[in-house]
Amino acid sequence: MTSPSPDHRLTERPVLDVDHIHPAVRGYVANLHGDIVREVQAAVAAHPVVVVGMGMNPMPKRARKALDEAGVSYHYMEYGNYLNTWRQRNALKLWTGWPTFPMVF
């Protein structure tokens, strides 16, 4: 596995323009599980590093282990597992544009 070059930059993910969402459902989409999004936003505002994960997924555990080994303190938030709360996690995926966990802010 090779490391990204020093000039590697994150690329922006394309996001569907709101004009392409039918007006009858825009409010529903915008507010879908907004409580979880607001909870993560508040944590990001309150902590230098936030890790969002889910149970039964080994990748959030690996991210936390790497942060622990690097001596980086973080706030961890967990939302369900593969078998439940997937709809709530989808709100986070829509908000961030990132489809997998962990999410590290």
PDB file of N, CA and C in Angstrom:
ATOM      1  N   MET A   1       0.844  -1.167   0.000  1.00  0.00           N
ATOM      2  CA  MET A   1       0.000   0.000   0.000  1.00  0.00           C
ATOM      3  C   MET A   1       0.891   1.232   0.000  1.00  0.00           C
ATOM      4  N   THR A   2       0.655   2.142  -0.890  1.00  0.00           N
ATOM      5  CA  THR A   2       1.476   3.341  -0.959  1.00  0.00           C
ATOM      6  C   THR A   2       0.787   4.497  -0.270  1.00  0.00           C
ATOM      7  N   SER A   3       1.588   5.406   0.239  1.00  0.00           N
ATOM      8  CA  SER A   3       1.056   6.597   0.887  1.00  0.00           C
ATOM      9  C   SER A   3       0.739   7.648  -0.158  1.00  0.00           C
ATOM     10  N   PRO A   4      -0.267   8.473   0.112  1.00  0.00           N
ATOM     11  CA  PRO A   4      -0.532   9.550  -0.836  1.00  0.00           C
ATOM     12  C   PRO A   4       0.637  10.523  -0.861  1.00  0.00           C
ATOM     13  N   SER A   5       0.834  11.143  -1.986  1.00  0.00           N
ATOM     14  CA  SER A   5       1.913  12.119  -2.093  1.00  0.00           C
ATOM     15  C   SER A   5       1.605  13.325  -1.211  1.00  0.00           C
ATOM     16  N   PRO A   6       2.641  14.102  -0.846  1.00  0.00           N
ATOM     17  CA  PRO A   6       2.411  15.250   0.032  1.00  0.00           C
ATOM     18  C   PRO A   6       1.436  16.263  -0.559  1.00  0.00           C
ATOM     19  N   ASP A   7       1.313  16.310  -1.874  1.00  0.00           N
ATOM     20  CA  ASP A   7       0.400  17.285  -2.465  1.00  0.00           C
ATOM     21  C   ASP A   7      -0.999  16.715  -2.696  1.00  0.00           C
ATOM     22  N   HIS A   8      -1.242  15.497  -2.145  1.00  0.00           N
ATOM     23  CA  HIS A   8      -2.561  14.869  -2.280  1.00  0.00           C
ATOM     24  C   HIS A   8      -3.613  15.752  -1.592  1.00  0.00           C
ATOM     25  N   ARG A   9      -4.689  15.982  -2.268  1.00  0.00           N
ATOM     26  CA  ARG A   9      -5.781  16.798  -1.718  1.00  0.00           C
ATOM     27  C   ARG A   9      -7.079  16.011  -1.795  1.00  0.00           C
ATOM     28  N   LEU A  10      -7.929  16.258  -0.823  1.00  0.00           N
ATOM     29  CA  LEU A  10      -9.261  15.669  -0.888  1.00  0.00           C
ATOM     30  C   LEU A  10     -10.018  16.320  -2.025  1.00  0.00           C
ATOM     31  N   THR A  11     -10.777  15.537  -2.717  1.00  0.00           N
ATOM     32  CA  THR A  11     -11.585  16.104  -3.782  1.00  0.00           C
ATOM     33  C   THR A  11     -13.010  16.245  -3.293  1.00  0.00           C
ATOM     34  N   GLU A  12     -13.683  17.243  -3.809  1.00  0.00           N
ATOM     35  CA  GLU A  12     -15.064  17.443  -3.426  1.00  0.00           C
ATOM     36  C   GLU A  12     -15.930  16.412  -4.111  1.00  0.00           C
ATOM     37  N   ARG A  13     -16.906  15.918  -3.355  1.00  0.00           N
ATOM     38  CA  ARG A  13     -17.861  14.983  -3.928  1.00  0.00           C
ATOM     39  C   ARG A  13     -18.996  15.786  -4.548  1.00  0.00           C
ATOM     40  N   PRO A  14     -19.496  15.347  -5.692  1.00  0.00           N
ATOM     41  CA  PRO A  14     -20.626  16.059  -6.287  1.00  0.00           C
ATOM     42  C   PRO A  14     -21.865  15.901  -5.411  1.00  0.00           C
ATOM     43  N   VAL A  15     -22.592  16.966  -5.249  1.00  0.00           N
ATOM     44  CA  VAL A  15     -23.803  16.969  -4.440  1.00  0.00           C
ATOM     45  C   VAL A  15     -24.954  17.398  -5.335  1.00  0.00           C
ATOM     46  N   LEU A  16     -26.051  16.677  -5.226  1.00  0.00           N
ATOM     47  CA  LEU A  16     -27.225  16.983  -6.028  1.00  0.00           C
ATOM     48  C   LEU A  16     -27.722  18.385  -5.699  1.00  0.00           C
ATOM     49  N   ASP A  17     -27.875  19.194  -6.710  1.00  0.00           N
ATOM     50  CA  ASP A  17     -28.369  20.544  -6.528  1.00  0.00           C
ATOM     51  C   ASP A  17     -29.806  20.497  -6.035  1.00  0.00           C
ATOM     52  N   VAL A  18     -30.137  21.361  -5.095  1.00  0.00           N
ATOM     53  CA  VAL A  18     -31.474  21.371  -4.503  1.00  0.00           C
ATOM     54  C   VAL A  18     -32.565  21.584  -5.558  1.00  0.00           C
ATOM     55  N   ASP A  19     -32.241  22.259  -6.643  1.00  0.00           N
ATOM     56  CA  ASP A  19     -33.224  22.468  -7.700  1.00  0.00           C
ATOM     57  C   ASP A  19     -33.657  21.170  -8.363  1.00  0.00           C
ATOM     58  N   HIS A  20     -32.882  20.106  -8.182  1.00  0.00           N
ATOM     59  CA  HIS A  20     -33.227  18.821  -8.773  1.00  0.00           C
ATOM     60  C   HIS A  20     -34.031  17.933  -7.824  1.00  0.00           C
ATOM     61  N   ILE A  21     -34.311  18.425  -6.640  1.00  0.00           N
ATOM     62  CA  ILE A  21     -35.144  17.699  -5.683  1.00  0.00           C
ATOM     63  C   ILE A  21     -36.540  18.289  -5.763  1.00  0.00           C
ATOM     64  N   HIS A  22     -37.528  17.457  -5.914  1.00  0.00           N
ATOM     65  CA  HIS A  22     -38.900  17.933  -6.080  1.00  0.00           C
ATOM     66  C   HIS A  22     -39.292  18.801  -4.882  1.00  0.00           C
ATOM     67  N   PRO A  23     -39.915  19.939  -5.135  1.00  0.00           N
ATOM     68  CA  PRO A  23     -40.287  20.855  -4.049  1.00  0.00           C
ATOM     69  C   PRO A  23     -41.139  20.211  -2.951  1.00  0.00           C
ATOM     70  N   ALA A  24     -41.929  19.220  -3.312  1.00  0.00           N
ATOM     71  CA  ALA A  24     -42.806  18.586  -2.326  1.00  0.00           C
ATOM     72  C   ALA A  24     -42.035  17.800  -1.265  1.00  0.00           C
ATOM     73  N   VAL A  25     -40.786  17.413  -1.543  1.00  0.00           N
ATOM     74  CA  VAL A  25     -40.030  16.613  -0.581  1.00  0.00           C
ATOM     75  C   VAL A  25     -38.780  17.310  -0.063  1.00  0.00           C
ATOM     76  N   ARG A  26     -38.511  18.510  -0.505  1.00  0.00           N
ATOM     77  CA  ARG A  26     -37.279  19.202  -0.068  1.00  0.00           C
ATOM     78  C   ARG A  26     -37.192  19.346   1.445  1.00  0.00           C
ATOM     79  N   GLY A  27     -38.264  19.759   2.070  1.00  0.00           N
ATOM     80  CA  GLY A  27     -38.269  19.919   3.523  1.00  0.00           C
ATOM     81  C   GLY A  27     -38.038  18.602   4.243  1.00  0.00           C
ATOM     82  N   TYR A  28     -38.673  17.555   3.742  1.00  0.00           N
ATOM     83  CA  TYR A  28     -38.508  16.231   4.336  1.00  0.00           C
ATOM     84  C   TYR A  28     -37.048  15.792   4.254  1.00  0.00           C
ATOM     85  N   VAL A  29     -36.459  15.933   3.080  1.00  0.00           N
ATOM     86  CA  VAL A  29     -35.066  15.530   2.890  1.00  0.00           C
ATOM     87  C   VAL A  29     -34.142  16.373   3.766  1.00  0.00           C
ATOM     88  N   ALA A  30     -34.383  17.663   3.824  1.00  0.00           N
ATOM     89  CA  ALA A  30     -33.522  18.566   4.590  1.00  0.00           C
ATOM     90  C   ALA A  30     -33.560  18.279   6.086  1.00  0.00           C
ATOM     91  N   ASN A  31     -34.698  17.812   6.583  1.00  0.00           N
ATOM     92  CA  ASN A  31     -34.850  17.611   8.026  1.00  0.00           C
ATOM     93  C   ASN A  31     -34.780  16.158   8.456  1.00  0.00           C
ATOM     94  N   LEU A  32     -34.575  15.245   7.526  1.00  0.00           N
ATOM     95  CA  LEU A  32     -34.559  13.822   7.846  1.00  0.00           C
ATOM     96  C   LEU A  32     -33.459  13.504   8.864  1.00  0.00           C
ATOM     97  N   HIS A  33     -33.852  13.076  10.020  1.00  0.00           N
ATOM     98  CA  HIS A  33     -32.937  12.735  11.121  1.00  0.00           C
ATOM     99  C   HIS A  33     -31.948  13.873  11.398  1.00  0.00           C
ATOM    100  N   GLY A  34     -32.443  15.083  11.307  1.00  0.00           N
ATOM    101  CA  GLY A  34     -31.619  16.257  11.572  1.00  0.00           C
ATOM    102  C   GLY A  34     -31.078  16.298  12.985  1.00  0.00           C
ATOM    103  N   ASP A  35     -31.752  15.611  13.915  1.00  0.00           N
ATOM    104  CA  ASP A  35     -31.268  15.586  15.296  1.00  0.00           C
ATOM    105  C   ASP A  35     -29.873  14.973  15.384  1.00  0.00           C
ATOM    106  N   ILE A  36     -29.621  13.922  14.619  1.00  0.00           N
ATOM    107  CA  ILE A  36     -28.304  13.282  14.647  1.00  0.00           C
ATOM    108  C   ILE A  36     -27.262  14.186  13.993  1.00  0.00           C
ATOM    109  N   VAL A  37     -27.626  14.810  12.897  1.00  0.00           N
ATOM    110  CA  VAL A  37     -26.698  15.731  12.237  1.00  0.00           C
ATOM    111  C   VAL A  37     -26.344  16.875  13.185  1.00  0.00           C
ATOM    112  N   ARG A  38     -27.343  17.440  13.844  1.00  0.00           N
ATOM    113  CA  ARG A  38     -27.076  18.540  14.794  1.00  0.00           C
ATOM    114  C   ARG A  38     -26.213  18.061  15.963  1.00  0.00           C
ATOM    115  N   GLU A  39     -26.428  16.827  16.418  1.00  0.00           N
ATOM    116  CA  GLU A  39     -25.618  16.271  17.507  1.00  0.00           C
ATOM    117  C   GLU A  39     -24.150  16.168  17.093  1.00  0.00           C
ATOM    118  N   VAL A  40     -23.906  15.688  15.883  1.00  0.00           N
ATOM    119  CA  VAL A  40     -22.524  15.583  15.397  1.00  0.00           C
ATOM    120  C   VAL A  40     -21.940  16.976  15.171  1.00  0.00           C
ATOM    121  N   GLN A  41     -22.720  17.897  14.619  1.00  0.00           N
ATOM    122  CA  GLN A  41     -22.234  19.266  14.424  1.00  0.00           C
ATOM    123  C   GLN A  41     -21.824  19.884  15.761  1.00  0.00           C
ATOM    124  N   ALA A  42     -22.618  19.664  16.799  1.00  0.00           N
ATOM    125  CA  ALA A  42     -22.291  20.211  18.122  1.00  0.00           C
ATOM    126  C   ALA A  42     -21.006  19.590  18.659  1.00  0.00           C
ATOM    127  N   ALA A  43     -20.835  18.291  18.456  1.00  0.00           N
ATOM    128  CA  ALA A  43     -19.609  17.627  18.914  1.00  0.00           C
ATOM    129  C   ALA A  43     -18.396  18.154  18.167  1.00  0.00           C
ATOM    130  N   VAL A  44     -18.536  18.368  16.867  1.00  0.00           N
ATOM    131  CA  VAL A  44     -17.423  18.895  16.065  1.00  0.00           C
ATOM    132  C   VAL A  44     -17.055  20.301  16.531  1.00  0.00           C
ATOM    133  N   ALA A  45     -18.053  21.086  16.915  1.00  0.00           N
ATOM    134  CA  ALA A  45     -17.780  22.437  17.413  1.00  0.00           C
ATOM    135  C   ALA A  45     -17.112  22.406  18.786  1.00  0.00           C
ATOM    136  N   ALA A  46     -17.367  21.353  19.562  1.00  0.00           N
ATOM    137  CA  ALA A  46     -16.869  21.284  20.935  1.00  0.00           C
ATOM    138  C   ALA A  46     -15.545  20.543  21.092  1.00  0.00           C
ATOM    139  N   HIS A  47     -15.158  19.746  20.109  1.00  0.00           N
ATOM    140  CA  HIS A  47     -13.967  18.905  20.230  1.00  0.00           C
ATOM    141  C   HIS A  47     -13.060  19.078  19.015  1.00  0.00           C
ATOM    142  N   PRO A  48     -11.741  19.062  19.230  1.00  0.00           N
ATOM    143  CA  PRO A  48     -10.818  19.190  18.100  1.00  0.00           C
ATOM    144  C   PRO A  48     -10.902  18.035  17.111  1.00  0.00           C
ATOM    145  N   VAL A  49     -11.148  16.813  17.620  1.00  0.00           N
ATOM    146  CA  VAL A  49     -11.254  15.632  16.760  1.00  0.00           C
ATOM    147  C   VAL A  49     -12.481  14.834  17.195  1.00  0.00           C
ATOM    148  N   VAL A  50     -13.302  14.479  16.227  1.00  0.00           N
ATOM    149  CA  VAL A  50     -14.493  13.664  16.486  1.00  0.00           C
ATOM    150  C   VAL A  50     -14.458  12.477  15.532  1.00  0.00           C
ATOM    151  N   VAL A  51     -14.695  11.296  16.080  1.00  0.00           N
ATOM    152  CA  VAL A  51     -14.787  10.076  15.284  1.00  0.00           C
ATOM    153  C   VAL A  51     -16.222   9.569  15.416  1.00  0.00           C
ATOM    154  N   VAL A  52     -16.874   9.364  14.278  1.00  0.00           N
ATOM    155  CA  VAL A  52     -18.232   8.823  14.268  1.00  0.00           C
ATOM    156  C   VAL A  52     -18.156   7.429  13.671  1.00  0.00           C
ATOM    157  N   GLY A  53     -18.719   6.466  14.390  1.00  0.00           N
ATOM    158  CA  GLY A  53     -18.671   5.093  13.922  1.00  0.00           C
ATOM    159  C   GLY A  53     -19.952   4.356  14.207  1.00  0.00           C
ATOM    160  N   MET A  54     -19.856   3.061  14.031  1.00  0.00           N
ATOM    161  CA  MET A  54     -20.984   2.182  14.287  1.00  0.00           C
ATOM    162  C   MET A  54     -20.449   0.868  14.830  1.00  0.00           C
ATOM    163  N   GLY A  55     -21.253   0.190  15.637  1.00  0.00           N
ATOM    164  CA  GLY A  55     -20.853  -1.085  16.197  1.00  0.00           C
ATOM    165  C   GLY A  55     -20.711  -2.145  15.117  1.00  0.00           C
ATOM    166  N   MET A  56     -19.948  -3.155  15.400  1.00  0.00           N
ATOM    167  CA  MET A  56     -19.716  -4.303  14.527  1.00  0.00           C
ATOM    168  C   MET A  56     -18.869  -3.953  13.301  1.00  0.00           C
ATOM    169  N   ASN A  57     -18.469  -2.715  13.138  1.00  0.00           N
ATOM    170  CA  ASN A  57     -17.632  -2.311  12.008  1.00  0.00           C
ATOM    171  C   ASN A  57     -16.215  -2.144  12.547  1.00  0.00           C
ATOM    172  N   PRO A  58     -15.252  -2.902  12.040  1.00  0.00           N
ATOM    173  CA  PRO A  58     -13.901  -2.827  12.582  1.00  0.00           C
ATOM    174  C   PRO A  58     -13.159  -1.537  12.222  1.00  0.00           C
ATOM    175  N   MET A  59     -13.588  -0.831  11.209  1.00  0.00           N
ATOM    176  CA  MET A  59     -12.839   0.341  10.765  1.00  0.00           C
ATOM    177  C   MET A  59     -12.856   1.487  11.778  1.00  0.00           C
ATOM    178  N   PRO A  60     -13.976   1.816  12.417  1.00  0.00           N
ATOM    179  CA  PRO A  60     -13.924   2.846  13.460  1.00  0.00           C
ATOM    180  C   PRO A  60     -12.979   2.460  14.599  1.00  0.00           C
ATOM    181  N   LYS A  61     -12.963   1.187  14.940  1.00  0.00           N
ATOM    182  CA  LYS A  61     -12.053   0.726  15.997  1.00  0.00           C
ATOM    183  C   LYS A  61     -10.606   0.937  15.577  1.00  0.00           C
ATOM    184  N   ARG A  62     -10.296   0.657  14.317  1.00  0.00           N
ATOM    185  CA  ARG A  62      -8.930   0.853  13.814  1.00  0.00           C
ATOM    186  C   ARG A  62      -8.560   2.336  13.818  1.00  0.00           C
ATOM    187  N   ALA A  63      -9.505   3.187  13.448  1.00  0.00           N
ATOM    188  CA  ALA A  63      -9.233   4.631  13.455  1.00  0.00           C
ATOM    189  C   ALA A  63      -8.954   5.106  14.873  1.00  0.00           C
ATOM    190  N   ARG A  64      -9.760   4.647  15.832  1.00  0.00           N
ATOM    191  CA  ARG A  64      -9.537   5.050  17.228  1.00  0.00           C
ATOM    192  C   ARG A  64      -8.198   4.528  17.737  1.00  0.00           C
ATOM    193  N   LYS A  65      -7.848   3.313  17.361  1.00  0.00           N
ATOM    194  CA  LYS A  65      -6.560   2.746  17.775  1.00  0.00           C
ATOM    195  C   LYS A  65      -5.409   3.579  17.216  1.00  0.00           C
ATOM    196  N   ALA A  66      -5.505   3.971  15.962  1.00  0.00           N
ATOM    197  CA  ALA A  66      -4.448   4.792  15.352  1.00  0.00           C
ATOM    198  C   ALA A  66      -4.333   6.139  16.056  1.00  0.00           C
ATOM    199  N   LEU A  67      -5.471   6.741  16.389  1.00  0.00           N
ATOM    200  CA  LEU A  67      -5.434   8.016  17.114  1.00  0.00           C
ATOM    201  C   LEU A  67      -4.843   7.828  18.504  1.00  0.00           C
ATOM    202  N   ASP A  68      -5.226   6.748  19.184  1.00  0.00           N
ATOM    203  CA  ASP A  68      -4.654   6.453  20.513  1.00  0.00           C
ATOM    204  C   ASP A  68      -3.142   6.299  20.430  1.00  0.00           C
ATOM    205  N   GLU A  69      -2.676   5.538  19.436  1.00  0.00           N
ATOM    206  CA  GLU A  69      -1.234   5.315  19.282  1.00  0.00           C
ATOM    207  C   GLU A  69      -0.490   6.603  18.948  1.00  0.00           C
ATOM    208  N   ALA A  70      -1.160   7.525  18.260  1.00  0.00           N
ATOM    209  CA  ALA A  70      -0.541   8.803  17.919  1.00  0.00           C
ATOM    210  C   ALA A  70      -0.678   9.829  19.050  1.00  0.00           C
ATOM    211  N   GLY A  71      -1.392   9.448  20.110  1.00  0.00           N
ATOM    212  CA  GLY A  71      -1.566  10.356  21.241  1.00  0.00           C
ATOM    213  C   GLY A  71      -2.552  11.479  20.970  1.00  0.00           C
ATOM    214  N   VAL A  72      -3.458  11.264  20.049  1.00  0.00           N
ATOM    215  CA  VAL A  72      -4.453  12.287  19.699  1.00  0.00           C
ATOM    216  C   VAL A  72      -5.735  11.994  20.465  1.00  0.00           C
ATOM    217  N   SER A  73      -6.179  12.962  21.255  1.00  0.00           N
ATOM    218  CA  SER A  73      -7.439  12.761  21.967  1.00  0.00           C
ATOM    219  C   SER A  73      -8.592  13.049  21.011  1.00  0.00           C
ATOM    220  N   TYR A  74      -9.705  12.389  21.240  1.00  0.00           N
ATOM    221  CA  TYR A  74     -10.849  12.508  20.355  1.00  0.00           C
ATOM    222  C   TYR A  74     -12.129  12.211  21.123  1.00  0.00           C
ATOM    223  N   HIS A  75     -13.223  12.614  20.543  1.00  0.00           N
ATOM    224  CA  HIS A  75     -14.558  12.318  21.070  1.00  0.00           C
ATOM    225  C   HIS A  75     -15.164  11.288  20.129  1.00  0.00           C
ATOM    226  N   TYR A  76     -15.652  10.173  20.682  1.00  0.00           N
ATOM    227  CA  TYR A  76     -16.208   9.108  19.850  1.00  0.00           C
ATOM    228  C   TYR A  76     -17.719   9.076  19.980  1.00  0.00           C
ATOM    229  N   MET A  77     -18.387   8.950  18.834  1.00  0.00           N
ATOM    230  CA  MET A  77     -19.844   8.841  18.791  1.00  0.00           C
ATOM    231  C   MET A  77     -20.178   7.588  17.987  1.00  0.00           C
ATOM    232  N   GLU A  78     -21.102   6.784  18.510  1.00  0.00           N
ATOM    233  CA  GLU A  78     -21.450   5.545  17.823  1.00  0.00           C
ATOM    234  C   GLU A  78     -22.949   5.518  17.567  1.00  0.00           C
ATOM    235  N   TYR A  79     -23.298   5.169  16.335  1.00  0.00           N
ATOM    236  CA  TYR A  79     -24.702   5.108  15.936  1.00  0.00           C
ATOM    237  C   TYR A  79     -25.034   3.719  15.418  1.00  0.00           C
ATOM    238  N   GLY A  80     -25.557   2.882  16.301  1.00  0.00           N
ATOM    239  CA  GLY A  80     -26.061   1.574  15.933  1.00  0.00           C
ATOM    240  C   GLY A  80     -25.026   0.639  15.369  1.00  0.00           C
ATOM    241  N   ASN A  81     -25.521  -0.325  14.576  1.00  0.00           N
ATOM    242  CA  ASN A  81     -24.665  -1.310  13.933  1.00  0.00           C
ATOM    243  C   ASN A  81     -25.271  -1.656  12.580  1.00  0.00           C
ATOM    244  N   TYR A  82     -24.728  -2.660  11.956  1.00  0.00           N
ATOM    245  CA  TYR A  82     -25.202  -3.030  10.623  1.00  0.00           C
ATOM    246  C   TYR A  82     -26.689  -3.367  10.606  1.00  0.00           C
ATOM    247  N   LEU A  83     -27.219  -3.818  11.723  1.00  0.00           N
ATOM    248  CA  LEU A  83     -28.582  -4.332  11.769  1.00  0.00           C
ATOM    249  C   LEU A  83     -29.633  -3.312  12.202  1.00  0.00           C
ATOM    250  N   ASN A  84     -29.208  -2.131  12.647  1.00  0.00           N
ATOM    251  CA  ASN A  84     -30.208  -1.153  13.081  1.00  0.00           C
ATOM    252  C   ASN A  84     -29.717   0.274  12.829  1.00  0.00           C
ATOM    253  N   THR A  85     -30.569   1.195  12.972  1.00  0.00           N
ATOM    254  CA  THR A  85     -30.352   2.647  12.829  1.00  0.00           C
ATOM    255  C   THR A  85     -29.660   3.055  11.524  1.00  0.00           C
ATOM    256  N   TRP A  86     -29.810   2.244  10.481  1.00  0.00           N
ATOM    257  CA  TRP A  86     -29.170   2.602   9.210  1.00  0.00           C
ATOM    258  C   TRP A  86     -29.796   3.855   8.607  1.00  0.00           C
ATOM    259  N   ARG A  87     -31.068   4.083   8.855  1.00  0.00           N
ATOM    260  CA  ARG A  87     -31.705   5.293   8.313  1.00  0.00           C
ATOM    261  C   ARG A  87     -31.102   6.550   8.943  1.00  0.00           C
ATOM    262  N   GLN A  88     -30.856   6.491  10.249  1.00  0.00           N
ATOM    263  CA  GLN A  88     -30.248   7.633  10.923  1.00  0.00           C
ATOM    264  C   GLN A  88     -28.831   7.869  10.408  1.00  0.00           C
ATOM    265  N   ARG A  89     -28.082   6.799  10.218  1.00  0.00           N
ATOM    266  CA  ARG A  89     -26.724   6.952   9.685  1.00  0.00           C
ATOM    267  C   ARG A  89     -26.744   7.509   8.266  1.00  0.00           C
ATOM    268  N   ASN A  90     -27.775   7.190   7.505  1.00  0.00           N
ATOM    269  CA  ASN A  90     -27.886   7.746   6.153  1.00  0.00           C
ATOM    270  C   ASN A  90     -27.949   9.263   6.178  1.00  0.00           C
ATOM    271  N   ALA A  91     -28.574   9.833   7.203  1.00  0.00           N
ATOM    272  CA  ALA A  91     -28.615  11.291   7.310  1.00  0.00           C
ATOM    273  C   ALA A  91     -27.202  11.854   7.429  1.00  0.00           C
ATOM    274  N   LEU A  92     -26.343  11.174   8.179  1.00  0.00           N
ATOM    275  CA  LEU A  92     -24.953  11.621   8.291  1.00  0.00           C
ATOM    276  C   LEU A  92     -24.232  11.479   6.957  1.00  0.00           C
ATOM    277  N   LYS A  93     -24.508  10.402   6.251  1.00  0.00           N
ATOM    278  CA  LYS A  93     -23.880  10.189   4.953  1.00  0.00           C
ATOM    279  C   LYS A  93     -24.309  11.251   3.953  1.00  0.00           C
ATOM    280  N   LEU A  94     -25.590  11.608   3.985  1.00  0.00           N
ATOM    281  CA  LEU A  94     -26.073  12.662   3.090  1.00  0.00           C
ATOM    282  C   LEU A  94     -25.471  14.014   3.459  1.00  0.00           C
ATOM    283  N   TRP A  95     -25.363  14.278   4.738  1.00  0.00           N
ATOM    284  CA  TRP A  95     -24.833  15.559   5.201  1.00  0.00           C
ATOM    285  C   TRP A  95     -23.360  15.713   4.837  1.00  0.00           C
ATOM    286  N   THR A  96     -22.579  14.653   5.036  1.00  0.00           N
ATOM    287  CA  THR A  96     -21.139  14.754   4.782  1.00  0.00           C
ATOM    288  C   THR A  96     -20.762  14.457   3.340  1.00  0.00           C
ATOM    289  N   GLY A  97     -21.602  13.688   2.649  1.00  0.00           N
ATOM    290  CA  GLY A  97     -21.232  13.233   1.326  1.00  0.00           C
ATOM    291  C   GLY A  97     -20.259  12.068   1.379  1.00  0.00           C
ATOM    292  N   TRP A  98     -20.025  11.526   2.570  1.00  0.00           N
ATOM    293  CA  TRP A  98     -19.094  10.420   2.742  1.00  0.00           C
ATOM    294  C   TRP A  98     -19.898   9.156   3.043  1.00  0.00           C
ATOM    295  N   PRO A  99     -19.741   8.092   2.259  1.00  0.00           N
ATOM    296  CA  PRO A  99     -20.639   6.935   2.371  1.00  0.00           C
ATOM    297  C   PRO A  99     -20.267   5.872   3.387  1.00  0.00           C
ATOM    298  N   THR A 100     -19.111   5.978   4.047  1.00  0.00           N
ATOM    299  CA  THR A 100     -18.680   4.890   4.932  1.00  0.00           C
ATOM    300  C   THR A 100     -18.256   5.427   6.294  1.00  0.00           C
ATOM    301  N   PHE A 101     -18.076   4.488   7.228  1.00  0.00           N
ATOM    302  CA  PHE A 101     -17.591   4.818   8.558  1.00  0.00           C
ATOM    303  C   PHE A 101     -16.233   4.187   8.754  1.00  0.00           C
ATOM    304  N   PRO A 102     -15.370   4.849   9.503  1.00  0.00           N
ATOM    305  CA  PRO A 102     -15.630   5.988  10.353  1.00  0.00           C
ATOM    306  C   PRO A 102     -15.653   7.298   9.586  1.00  0.00           C
ATOM    307  N   MET A 103     -16.263   8.252  10.225  1.00  0.00           N
ATOM    308  CA  MET A 103     -16.172   9.639   9.764  1.00  0.00           C
ATOM    309  C   MET A 103     -15.315  10.349  10.802  1.00  0.00           C
ATOM    310  N   VAL A 104     -14.264  10.983  10.351  1.00  0.00           N
ATOM    311  CA  VAL A 104     -13.348  11.658  11.279  1.00  0.00           C
ATOM    312  C   VAL A 104     -13.376  13.139  10.954  1.00  0.00           C
ATOM    313  N   PHE A 105     -13.706  13.924  11.961  1.00  0.00           N
ATOM    314  CA  PHE A 105     -13.771  15.381  11.798  1.00  0.00           C
ATOM    315  C   PHE A 105     -12.688  16.012  12.654  1.00  0.00           C
TER     316      PHE A 105
END
